[in-house]
C-alpha atoms as a PDB file:
ATOM      1  CA  MET A   1       6.982  67.248 -95.198  1.00  0.00           C
ATOM      2  CA  ARG A   2       3.855  67.646 -97.382  1.00  0.00           C
ATOM      3  CA  GLU A   3       0.619  65.847 -96.327  1.00  0.00           C
ATOM      4  CA  ILE A   4      -2.633  65.930 -97.726  1.00  0.00           C
ATOM      5  CA  VAL A   5      -5.890  66.002 -95.342  1.00  0.00           C
ATOM      6  CA  LEU A   6      -8.798  64.544 -96.979  1.00  0.00           C
ATOM      7  CA  ASP A   7     -12.471  63.923 -96.629  1.00  0.00           C
ATOM      8  CA  THR A   8     -15.424  62.647 -98.770  1.00  0.00           C
ATOM      9  CA  GLU A   9     -19.022  62.646 -98.931  1.00  0.00           C
ATOM     10  CA  THR A  10     -21.210  59.962-100.975  1.00  0.00           C
ATOM     11  CA  THR A  11     -24.474  58.612-102.035  1.00  0.00           C
ATOM     12  CA  GLY A  12     -24.545  56.076 -99.267  1.00  0.00           C
ATOM     13  CA  LEU A  13     -22.481  53.869 -97.055  1.00  0.00           C
ATOM     14  CA  ASP A  14     -21.874  50.830 -98.937  1.00  0.00           C
ATOM     15  CA  VAL A  15     -19.674  51.146-101.952  1.00  0.00           C
ATOM     16  CA  SER A  16     -20.374  47.467-102.831  1.00  0.00           C
ATOM     17  CA  LYS A  17     -23.901  48.394-103.561  1.00  0.00           C
ATOM     18  CA  GLY A  18     -22.698  50.711-106.082  1.00  0.00           C
ATOM     19  CA  HIS A  19     -22.497  53.970-104.139  1.00  0.00           C
ATOM     20  CA  LYS A  20     -20.463  56.912-105.302  1.00  0.00           C
ATOM     21  CA  ILE A  21     -18.387  59.842-104.323  1.00  0.00           C
ATOM     22  CA  ILE A  22     -20.349  63.044-104.652  1.00  0.00           C
ATOM     23  CA  GLU A  23     -17.597  65.388-103.115  1.00  0.00           C
ATOM     24  CA  ILE A  24     -14.036  65.526-102.397  1.00  0.00           C
ATOM     25  CA  GLY A  25     -12.371  68.039-100.099  1.00  0.00           C
ATOM     26  CA  ALA A  26      -8.639  68.176 -99.526  1.00  0.00           C
ATOM     27  CA  LEU A  27      -6.115  70.583 -97.974  1.00  0.00           C
ATOM     28  CA  GLU A  28      -2.265  70.748 -97.870  1.00  0.00           C
ATOM     29  CA  ILE A  29      -0.252  70.796 -94.829  1.00  0.00           C
ATOM     30  CA  ILE A  30       3.704  71.209 -94.681  1.00  0.00           C
ATOM     31  CA  ASN A  31       5.174  70.312 -91.655  1.00  0.00           C
ATOM     32  CA  LEU A  32       1.780  70.219 -89.979  1.00  0.00           C
ATOM     33  CA  VAL A  33       1.066  73.780 -91.013  1.00  0.00           C
ATOM     34  CA  PRO A  34      -1.609  74.720 -93.643  1.00  0.00           C
ATOM     35  CA  SER A  35      -0.239  76.227 -96.577  1.00  0.00           C
ATOM     36  CA  GLY A  36      -3.410  77.525 -97.872  1.00  0.00           C
ATOM     37  CA  LYS A  37      -3.982  75.311-100.975  1.00  0.00           C
ATOM     38  CA  THR A  38      -7.012  73.311-100.984  1.00  0.00           C
ATOM     39  CA  LEU A  39      -9.094  71.111-103.464  1.00  0.00           C
ATOM     40  CA  HIS A  40     -13.070  71.164-103.358  1.00  0.00           C
ATOM     41  CA  LEU A  41     -14.800  69.164-105.931  1.00  0.00           C
ATOM     42  CA  TYR A  42     -18.501  68.320-106.504  1.00  0.00           C
ATOM     43  CA  ILE A  43     -19.253  65.365-108.603  1.00  0.00           C
ATOM     44  CA  ASN A  44     -21.966  63.717-110.465  1.00  0.00           C
ATOM     45  CA  PRO A  45     -22.398  60.176-109.288  1.00  0.00           C
ATOM     46  CA  GLU A  46     -24.784  59.127-112.015  1.00  0.00           C
ATOM     47  CA  ARG A  47     -27.202  57.710-109.764  1.00  0.00           C
ATOM     48  CA  GLU A  48     -29.567  58.755-106.960  1.00  0.00           C
ATOM     49  CA  ILE A  49     -28.514  59.741-103.638  1.00  0.00           C
ATOM     50  CA  ASP A  50     -29.960  57.940-100.506  1.00  0.00           C
ATOM     51  CA  PRO A  51     -32.411  60.021 -98.501  1.00  0.00           C
ATOM     52  CA  ASP A  52     -30.408  58.998 -95.429  1.00  0.00           C
ATOM     53  CA  ALA A  53     -27.215  60.483 -96.922  1.00  0.00           C
ATOM     54  CA  ILE A  54     -28.805  63.733 -97.750  1.00  0.00           C
ATOM     55  CA  LYS A  55     -29.612  64.131 -94.092  1.00  0.00           C
ATOM     56  CA  ILE A  56     -25.917  63.799 -93.320  1.00  0.00           C
ATOM     57  CA  HIS A  57     -24.473  66.179 -95.905  1.00  0.00           C
ATOM     58  CA  GLY A  58     -27.235  67.891 -97.546  1.00  0.00           C
ATOM     59  CA  ILE A  59     -26.268  67.452-101.049  1.00  0.00           C
ATOM     60  CA  THR A  60     -29.044  66.846-103.169  1.00  0.00           C
ATOM     61  CA  ASP A  61     -29.553  65.077-106.759  1.00  0.00           C
ATOM     62  CA  ALA A  62     -30.612  68.531-108.174  1.00  0.00           C
ATOM     63  CA  PHE A  63     -27.603  70.475-106.724  1.00  0.00           C
ATOM     64  CA  ILE A  64     -25.227  67.630-108.215  1.00  0.00           C
ATOM     65  CA  SER A  65     -26.939  66.960-111.542  1.00  0.00           C
ATOM     66  CA  ASP A  66     -24.801  69.462-113.698  1.00  0.00           C
ATOM     67  CA  LYS A  67     -21.394  68.423-112.061  1.00  0.00           C
ATOM     68  CA  PRO A  68     -18.615  66.567-113.879  1.00  0.00           C
ATOM     69  CA  ILE A  69     -18.425  62.991-113.529  1.00  0.00           C
ATOM     70  CA  PHE A  70     -15.527  61.314-111.498  1.00  0.00           C
ATOM     71  CA  LYS A  71     -13.402  60.318-114.512  1.00  0.00           C
ATOM     72  CA  ASP A  72     -13.497  63.835-115.698  1.00  0.00           C
ATOM     73  CA  ILE A  73     -12.010  65.021-112.156  1.00  0.00           C
ATOM     74  CA  ALA A  74      -9.787  62.107-111.578  1.00  0.00           C
ATOM     75  CA  GLN A  75      -6.570  63.692-112.984  1.00  0.00           C
ATOM     76  CA  THR A  76      -7.236  66.881-111.216  1.00  0.00           C
ATOM     77  CA  PHE A  77      -7.476  64.966-107.756  1.00  0.00           C
ATOM     78  CA  LEU A  78      -4.396  62.882-108.485  1.00  0.00           C
ATOM     79  CA  ASP A  79      -2.351  65.932-109.436  1.00  0.00           C
ATOM     80  CA  PHE A  80      -3.215  67.671-106.156  1.00  0.00           C
ATOM     81  CA  ILE A  81      -2.390  64.703-103.951  1.00  0.00           C
ATOM     82  CA  LYS A  82       0.754  63.903-106.013  1.00  0.00           C
ATOM     83  CA  ASP A  83       2.658  60.684-104.222  1.00  0.00           C
ATOM     84  CA  ASP A  84       2.122  62.398-100.720  1.00  0.00           C
ATOM     85  CA  THR A  85       0.569  60.782 -97.665  1.00  0.00           C
ATOM     86  CA  LEU A  86      -3.269  61.308 -97.002  1.00  0.00           C
ATOM     87  CA  VAL A  87      -4.475  61.903 -93.728  1.00  0.00           C
ATOM     88  CA  ILE A  88      -7.923  60.735 -93.287  1.00  0.00           C
ATOM     89  CA  HIS A  89     -10.618  60.055 -90.517  1.00  0.00           C
ATOM     90  CA  ASN A  90     -11.762  56.141 -90.938  1.00  0.00           C
ATOM     91  CA  ALA A  91      -9.737  55.960 -93.865  1.00  0.00           C
ATOM     92  CA  SER A  92     -10.980  52.452 -95.060  1.00  0.00           C
ATOM     93  CA  PHE A  93     -14.183  54.190 -95.949  1.00  0.00           C
ATOM     94  CA  ASP A  94     -12.862  57.081 -98.038  1.00  0.00           C
ATOM     95  CA  ILE A  95     -10.212  54.962 -99.774  1.00  0.00           C
ATOM     96  CA  GLY A  96     -12.613  52.049-100.570  1.00  0.00           C
ATOM     97  CA  PHE A  97     -14.742  54.632-102.344  1.00  0.00           C
ATOM     98  CA  LEU A  98     -11.683  56.548-104.042  1.00  0.00           C
ATOM     99  CA  ASN A  99     -10.108  53.419-105.173  1.00  0.00           C
ATOM    100  CA  SER A 100     -13.583  51.902-106.638  1.00  0.00           C
ATOM    101  CA  GLU A 101     -13.854  55.130-108.585  1.00  0.00           C
ATOM    102  CA  LEU A 102     -10.113  55.363-109.600  1.00  0.00           C
ATOM    103  CA  ILE A 103     -10.296  51.534-110.872  1.00  0.00           C
ATOM    104  CA  SER A 104     -13.545  52.151-112.919  1.00  0.00           C
ATOM    105  CA  SER A 105     -11.955  55.292-114.458  1.00  0.00           C
ATOM    106  CA  GLY A 106      -8.833  53.664-115.388  1.00  0.00           C
ATOM    107  CA  PHE A 107      -6.458  55.245-112.925  1.00  0.00           C
ATOM    108  CA  PRO A 108      -4.055  53.712-110.535  1.00  0.00           C
ATOM    109  CA  ILE A 109      -5.452  53.239-106.978  1.00  0.00           C
ATOM    110  CA  ILE A 110      -4.098  54.764-103.882  1.00  0.00           C
ATOM    111  CA  LYS A 111      -1.817  52.135-101.749  1.00  0.00           C
ATOM    112  CA  ASP A 112      -2.108  51.699 -98.085  1.00  0.00           C
ATOM    113  CA  ASP A 113       1.357  52.802 -97.295  1.00  0.00           C
ATOM    114  CA  LYS A 114       0.335  56.426 -98.467  1.00  0.00           C
ATOM    115  CA  ILE A 115      -2.435  56.685 -95.775  1.00  0.00           C
ATOM    116  CA  ILE A 116      -2.549  57.652 -91.940  1.00  0.00           C
ATOM    117  CA  ASP A 117      -5.991  56.956 -90.328  1.00  0.00           C
ATOM    118  CA  THR A 118      -6.397  59.370 -87.594  1.00  0.00           C
ATOM    119  CA  LEU A 119      -9.299  57.264 -86.170  1.00  0.00           C
ATOM    120  CA  LYS A 120      -6.750  54.300 -85.440  1.00  0.00           C
ATOM    121  CA  ILE A 121      -4.356  56.986 -83.882  1.00  0.00           C
ATOM    122  CA  ALA A 122      -7.289  58.383 -81.859  1.00  0.00           C
ATOM    123  CA  ARG A 123      -8.319  54.864 -80.440  1.00  0.00           C
ATOM    124  CA  GLN A 124      -4.535  54.236 -79.622  1.00  0.00           C
ATOM    125  CA  LYS A 125      -4.278  57.247 -77.671  1.00  0.00           C
ATOM    126  CA  PHE A 126      -7.505  57.343 -75.890  1.00  0.00           C
ATOM    127  CA  PRO A 127      -8.683  53.612 -75.521  1.00  0.00           C
ATOM    128  CA  GLY A 128     -12.248  53.434 -74.999  1.00  0.00           C
ATOM    129  CA  ALA A 129     -13.146  57.132 -75.698  1.00  0.00           C
ATOM    130  CA  ALA A 130     -15.376  58.156 -78.240  1.00  0.00           C
ATOM    131  CA  ALA A 131     -13.259  58.846 -81.490  1.00  0.00           C
ATOM    132  CA  SER A 132     -15.551  60.817 -83.892  1.00  0.00           C
ATOM    133  CA  LEU A 133     -14.270  63.935 -85.549  1.00  0.00           C
ATOM    134  CA  ASP A 134     -16.988  65.714 -83.280  1.00  0.00           C
ATOM    135  CA  ALA A 135     -15.700  64.063 -80.161  1.00  0.00           C
ATOM    136  CA  LEU A 136     -12.130  64.739 -81.064  1.00  0.00           C
ATOM    137  CA  CYS A 137     -12.974  68.451 -81.582  1.00  0.00           C
ATOM    138  CA  ARG A 138     -14.557  68.473 -78.183  1.00  0.00           C
ATOM    139  CA  ARG A 139     -11.379  66.848 -76.681  1.00  0.00           C
ATOM    140  CA  PHE A 140      -9.179  69.344 -78.032  1.00  0.00           C
ATOM    141  CA  GLN A 141     -11.226  72.348 -77.868  1.00  0.00           C
ATOM    142  CA  ILE A 142     -11.434  72.849 -81.754  1.00  0.00           C
ATOM    143  CA  ASP A 143     -14.525  75.065 -82.527  1.00  0.00           C
ATOM    144  CA  ASN A 144     -16.876  73.014 -84.917  1.00  0.00           C
ATOM    145  CA  THR A 145     -20.005  75.111 -84.386  1.00  0.00           C
ATOM    146  CA  HIS A 146     -20.165  76.056 -88.022  1.00  0.00           C
ATOM    147  CA  ARG A 147     -20.354  72.264 -88.781  1.00  0.00           C
ATOM    148  CA  ASP A 148     -24.342  71.751 -88.905  1.00  0.00           C
ATOM    149  CA  LEU A 149     -23.880  69.359 -91.708  1.00  0.00           C
ATOM    150  CA  HIS A 150     -20.969  67.182 -93.030  1.00  0.00           C
ATOM    151  CA  GLY A 151     -19.057  68.774 -95.712  1.00  0.00           C
ATOM    152  CA  ALA A 152     -15.824  67.443 -97.185  1.00  0.00           C
ATOM    153  CA  LEU A 153     -13.902  70.299 -97.053  1.00  0.00           C
ATOM    154  CA  ILE A 154     -15.239  71.695 -93.563  1.00  0.00           C
ATOM    155  CA  ASP A 155     -14.538  68.302 -92.201  1.00  0.00           C
ATOM    156  CA  ALA A 156     -10.831  68.150 -93.739  1.00  0.00           C
ATOM    157  CA  ASP A 157     -10.327  71.584 -92.122  1.00  0.00           C
ATOM    158  CA  LEU A 158     -11.546  70.295 -88.728  1.00  0.00           C
ATOM    159  CA  LEU A 159      -9.681  66.879 -89.258  1.00  0.00           C
ATOM    160  CA  ALA A 160      -6.270  68.950 -90.054  1.00  0.00           C
ATOM    161  CA  ALA A 161      -6.612  70.631 -86.801  1.00  0.00           C
ATOM    162  CA  VAL A 162      -7.400  67.384 -84.938  1.00  0.00           C
ATOM    163  CA  TYR A 163      -4.326  65.649 -86.498  1.00  0.00           C
ATOM    164  CA  VAL A 164      -1.961  68.634 -85.333  1.00  0.00           C
ATOM    165  CA  GLU A 165      -3.226  67.662 -81.761  1.00  0.00           C
ATOM    166  CA  LEU A 166      -2.847  64.097 -82.149  1.00  0.00           C
ATOM    167  CA  ARG A 167       0.643  64.628 -83.215  1.00  0.00           C
ATOM    168  CA  GLY A 168       1.358  66.754 -80.068  1.00  0.00           C
ATOM    169  CA  GLY A 169       0.219  70.204 -81.329  1.00  0.00           C
ATOM    170  CA  GLN A 170       2.281  73.125 -82.737  1.00  0.00           C
ATOM    171  CA  GLN A 171       5.486  74.247 -80.822  1.00  0.00           C
ATOM    172  CA  PRO A 172       6.173  77.755 -81.759  1.00  0.00           C
ATOM    173  CA  THR A 173       8.779  78.107 -79.176  1.00  0.00           C
ATOM    174  CA  LEU A 174      10.968  75.807 -81.361  1.00  0.00           C
ATOM    175  CA  LEU A 175      10.882  78.167 -84.308  1.00  0.00           C
ATOM    176  CA  SER A 176      13.185  81.244 -84.802  1.00  0.00           C
ATOM    177  CA  ASP A 177      11.656  84.712 -85.004  1.00  0.00           C
ATOM    178  CA  GLU A 178      12.567  84.593 -88.862  1.00  0.00           C
ATOM    179  CA  ASP A 179      10.813  81.290 -89.253  1.00  0.00           C
ATOM    180  CA  THR A 180       7.843  82.587 -87.391  1.00  0.00           C
ATOM    181  CA  GLY A 181       7.816  85.557 -89.630  1.00  0.00           C
ATOM    182  CA  ASN A 182       8.195  83.203 -92.620  1.00  0.00           C
ATOM    183  CA  ILE A 183       5.314  81.068 -91.769  1.00  0.00           C
ATOM    184  CA  ASP A 184       2.950  84.261 -90.852  1.00  0.00           C
ATOM    185  CA  ALA A 185       4.003  86.021 -94.183  1.00  0.00           C
ATOM    186  CA  GLY A 186       3.696  82.846 -96.485  1.00  0.00           C
ATOM    187  CA  LEU A 187       1.270  80.445 -95.233  1.00  0.00           C
ATOM    188  CA  ASN A 188      -1.870  82.425 -94.934  1.00  0.00           C
ATOM    189  CA  ILE A 189      -2.779  80.955 -91.439  1.00  0.00           C
ATOM    190  CA  THR A 190      -5.936  82.980 -91.344  1.00  0.00           C
ATOM    191  CA  ALA A 191      -7.373  80.946 -94.207  1.00  0.00           C
ATOM    192  CA  ASN A 192      -7.504  78.097 -91.849  1.00  0.00           C
ATOM    193  CA  PRO A 193      -8.898  79.371 -88.511  1.00  0.00           C
ATOM    194  CA  HIS A 194      -9.339  75.995 -86.831  1.00  0.00           C
ATOM    195  CA  ILE A 195      -5.671  75.139 -86.730  1.00  0.00           C
ATOM    196  CA  SER A 196      -3.973  77.557 -84.073  1.00  0.00           C
ATOM    197  CA  PHE A 197      -0.446  77.629 -82.338  1.00  0.00           C
ATOM    198  CA  LYS A 198      -0.375  76.853 -78.688  1.00  0.00           C
ATOM    199  CA  GLU A 199       1.053  79.664 -76.837  1.00  0.00           C
ATOM    200  CA  ILE A 200       3.574  79.159 -74.208  1.00  0.00           C
ATOM    201  CA  ASN A 201       3.760  81.752 -71.706  1.00  0.00           C
ATOM    202  CA  LYS A 202       6.048  81.451 -68.855  1.00  0.00           C
ATOM    203  CA  PRO A 203       6.831  84.310 -66.261  1.00  0.00           C
ATOM    204  CA  GLU A 204      10.215  85.533 -66.056  1.00  0.00           C
ATOM    205  CA  LYS A 205      12.139  84.891 -63.155  1.00  0.00           C
ATOM    206  CA  PRO A 206      13.486  88.186 -61.319  1.00  0.00           C
ATOM    207  CA  ALA A 207      17.461  88.219 -60.975  1.00  0.00           C
ATOM    208  CA  ARG A 208      18.778  87.128 -57.825  1.00  0.00           C
ATOM    209  CA  PRO A 209      19.400  90.139 -55.739  1.00  0.00           C
ATOM    210  CA  HIS A 210      22.727  88.760 -54.286  1.00  0.00           C
ATOM    211  CA  SER A 211      25.650  86.384 -54.810  1.00  0.00           C
ATOM    212  CA  ALA A 212      25.806  83.068 -53.403  1.00  0.00           C
ATOM    213  CA  THR A 213      26.975  83.065 -49.769  1.00  0.00           C
ATOM    214  CA  GLN A 214      30.246  81.184 -48.560  1.00  0.00           C
ATOM    215  CA  SER A 215      27.874  78.521 -46.996  1.00  0.00           C
ATOM    216  CA  GLU A 216      26.085  78.110 -50.262  1.00  0.00           C
ATOM    217  CA  LEU A 217      29.401  77.678 -52.165  1.00  0.00           C
ATOM    218  CA  GLU A 218      30.652  75.067 -49.812  1.00  0.00           C
ATOM    219  CA  LYS A 219      27.729  73.078 -49.999  1.00  0.00           C
ATOM    220  CA  HIS A 220      27.717  73.319 -53.744  1.00  0.00           C
ATOM    221  CA  ALA A 221      31.445  72.005 -53.727  1.00  0.00           C
ATOM    222  CA  GLU A 222      30.518  69.037 -51.648  1.00  0.00           C
ATOM    223  CA  PHE A 223      27.235  68.185 -54.010  1.00  0.00           C
ATOM    224  CA  LEU A 224      29.638  68.329 -56.778  1.00  0.00           C
ATOM    225  CA  LYS A 225      31.986  65.509 -55.278  1.00  0.00           C
ATOM    226  CA  LEU A 226      29.056  63.192 -55.241  1.00  0.00           C
ATOM    227  CA  ILE A 227      28.781  63.370 -59.029  1.00  0.00           C
ATOM    228  CA  THR A 228      30.946  60.542 -60.736  1.00  0.00           C
ATOM    229  CA  ASP A 229      32.808  61.113 -63.953  1.00  0.00           C
ATOM    230  CA  PRO A 230      31.408  64.623 -64.598  1.00  0.00           C
ATOM    231  CA  ILE A 231      31.989  65.759 -68.094  1.00  0.00           C
ATOM    232  CA  TRP A 232      33.423  69.258 -66.910  1.00  0.00           C
ATOM    233  CA  ILE A 233      36.696  67.497 -65.844  1.00  0.00           C
ATOM    234  CA  ARG A 234      36.939  64.949 -68.598  1.00  0.00           C
ATOM    235  CA  PRO A 235      39.984  65.258 -70.850  1.00  0.00           C
ATOM    236  CA  ASP A 236      39.626  66.484 -74.345  1.00  0.00           C
END
């Protein structure tokens, strides 16, 4: 199952007031494991960035001035996401901006059935609790100390780790040794250090030093009589 974890940064908060996307960060996960494939784009919005927005993401007008406009990167973006599901935190915000840009550039929009909103999932799982990306990182003990400012690819990376936890976490004990080796060799886990496997370490029980006593065997036989229609005596 291929999914794309995605985040954007913008010139401001309100797409209806003409604000635009200035950064897209996306990474590919296959069956909840990062493949190592990412897309990171800076975009010239052809308008000024609000000072309050700069305080959030640190992207300035001077930095973005020589970057391509959205229309010039739209096909690259669509080629990367293909027709796969997008995983986004507070998806209505990002999708509102993306679809506005896609429409104005003459490209098809992203449909609602291709979107998973992790904010909605978090609010359903933890009603009444803080559900920001930072709050979820704290809840799941995901290291986000490198996140001084918002950044599309950094946030997508953190969101991928959060999404795995919201889906129940990785379960390496369900994988064979061969499968685990293939993942380690082929998917470059170290490229995405914020997504980690949960180790399940159970102490081994020592072997019983003696056989069951005659009294234990008799009690076991009496217990089996209490079970109705046991499968081990059913006819084939």
